[in-house]
Amino acid sequence: MAEKKKLLLIRFDVTEGNIKTSMKTEGVSPQEALGLLDMAKDQILDNLKKSRKDIFQMEKKD
């Protein structure tokens, strides 16, 4: 049996300091949406940590 399609789209429009958000879901419960957002946050934080490490390695002087 094929798995049901799940979709979570979130859009942030930032204009002149104002933030507008919109969200579209298909087959995603509110609990799943929170879990997906948490996963995305973790990925962003991991990338930020990696970027910081790269910066410090590039700036390191022997």
C-alpha atoms as a PDB file:
ATOM      1  CA  MET A   1       0.000   0.000   0.000  1.00  0.00           C
ATOM      2  CA  ALA A   2       1.333   3.436  -0.928  1.00  0.00           C
ATOM      3  CA  GLU A   3       2.023   5.879   1.845  1.00  0.00           C
ATOM      4  CA  LYS A   4      -0.247   8.918   1.978  1.00  0.00           C
ATOM      5  CA  LYS A   5       1.379  12.114   0.755  1.00  0.00           C
ATOM      6  CA  LYS A   6       2.321  14.570   3.511  1.00  0.00           C
ATOM      7  CA  LEU A   7       3.112  18.205   2.882  1.00  0.00           C
ATOM      8  CA  LEU A   8       4.148  21.073   5.154  1.00  0.00           C
ATOM      9  CA  LEU A   9       4.987  24.378   3.505  1.00  0.00           C
ATOM     10  CA  ILE A  10       5.853  27.425   5.552  1.00  0.00           C
ATOM     11  CA  ARG A  11       6.602  30.805   4.085  1.00  0.00           C
ATOM     12  CA  PHE A  12       8.023  33.859   5.817  1.00  0.00           C
ATOM     13  CA  ASP A  13       7.751  37.210   4.045  1.00  0.00           C
ATOM     14  CA  VAL A  14       9.843  39.926   5.680  1.00  0.00           C
ATOM     15  CA  THR A  15       9.160  43.401   4.355  1.00  0.00           C
ATOM     16  CA  GLU A  16      10.270  46.624   6.021  1.00  0.00           C
ATOM     17  CA  GLY A  17      10.612  44.895   9.389  1.00  0.00           C
ATOM     18  CA  ASN A  18       7.188  43.242   9.212  1.00  0.00           C
ATOM     19  CA  ILE A  19       6.942  39.463   9.185  1.00  0.00           C
ATOM     20  CA  LYS A  20       4.063  37.682   7.486  1.00  0.00           C
ATOM     21  CA  THR A  21       3.785  33.904   7.721  1.00  0.00           C
ATOM     22  CA  SER A  22       1.643  31.467   5.810  1.00  0.00           C
ATOM     23  CA  MET A  23       1.377  27.715   6.132  1.00  0.00           C
ATOM     24  CA  LYS A  24      -0.084  24.963   4.003  1.00  0.00           C
ATOM     25  CA  THR A  25      -0.461  21.373   5.172  1.00  0.00           C
ATOM     26  CA  GLU A  26      -1.697  18.170   3.591  1.00  0.00           C
ATOM     27  CA  GLY A  27      -1.951  15.001   5.656  1.00  0.00           C
ATOM     28  CA  VAL A  28       0.121  16.460   8.518  1.00  0.00           C
ATOM     29  CA  SER A  29      -1.251  16.614  12.050  1.00  0.00           C
ATOM     30  CA  PRO A  30      -0.429  19.559  14.309  1.00  0.00           C
ATOM     31  CA  GLN A  31       1.859  17.288  16.349  1.00  0.00           C
ATOM     32  CA  GLU A  32       3.713  16.187  13.207  1.00  0.00           C
ATOM     33  CA  ALA A  33       4.046  19.811  12.092  1.00  0.00           C
ATOM     34  CA  LEU A  34       5.673  20.698  15.424  1.00  0.00           C
ATOM     35  CA  GLY A  35       8.053  17.754  15.076  1.00  0.00           C
ATOM     36  CA  LEU A  36       8.995  18.777  11.545  1.00  0.00           C
ATOM     37  CA  LEU A  37       9.602  22.353  12.652  1.00  0.00           C
ATOM     38  CA  ASP A  38      11.800  21.087  15.465  1.00  0.00           C
ATOM     39  CA  MET A  39      13.806  19.002  12.980  1.00  0.00           C
ATOM     40  CA  ALA A  40      14.244  22.027  10.721  1.00  0.00           C
ATOM     41  CA  LYS A  41      15.377  24.145  13.680  1.00  0.00           C
ATOM     42  CA  ASP A  42      17.949  21.498  14.618  1.00  0.00           C
ATOM     43  CA  GLN A  43      19.285  21.416  11.056  1.00  0.00           C
ATOM     44  CA  ILE A  44      19.619  25.207  10.986  1.00  0.00           C
ATOM     45  CA  LEU A  45      21.430  25.212  14.330  1.00  0.00           C
ATOM     46  CA  ASP A  46      23.766  22.425  13.160  1.00  0.00           C
ATOM     47  CA  ASN A  47      24.602  24.378  10.006  1.00  0.00           C
ATOM     48  CA  LEU A  48      25.217  27.484  12.086  1.00  0.00           C
ATOM     49  CA  LYS A  49      27.578  25.561  14.363  1.00  0.00           C
ATOM     50  CA  LYS A  50      29.459  24.173  11.347  1.00  0.00           C
ATOM     51  CA  SER A  51      29.737  27.648   9.839  1.00  0.00           C
ATOM     52  CA  ARG A  52      31.124  29.021  13.087  1.00  0.00           C
ATOM     53  CA  LYS A  53      33.701  26.228  13.211  1.00  0.00           C
ATOM     54  CA  ASP A  54      34.705  26.968   9.616  1.00  0.00           C
ATOM     55  CA  ILE A  55      35.113  30.655  10.423  1.00  0.00           C
ATOM     56  CA  PHE A  56      37.301  29.955  13.421  1.00  0.00           C
ATOM     57  CA  GLN A  57      39.421  27.490  11.455  1.00  0.00           C
ATOM     58  CA  MET A  58      39.907  30.021   8.668  1.00  0.00           C
ATOM     59  CA  GLU A  59      40.896  32.744  11.124  1.00  0.00           C
ATOM     60  CA  LYS A  60      43.291  30.539  13.054  1.00  0.00           C
ATOM     61  CA  LYS A  61      46.903  31.682  12.843  1.00  0.00           C
ATOM     62  CA  ASP A  62      49.854  29.354  13.483  1.00  0.00           C
END
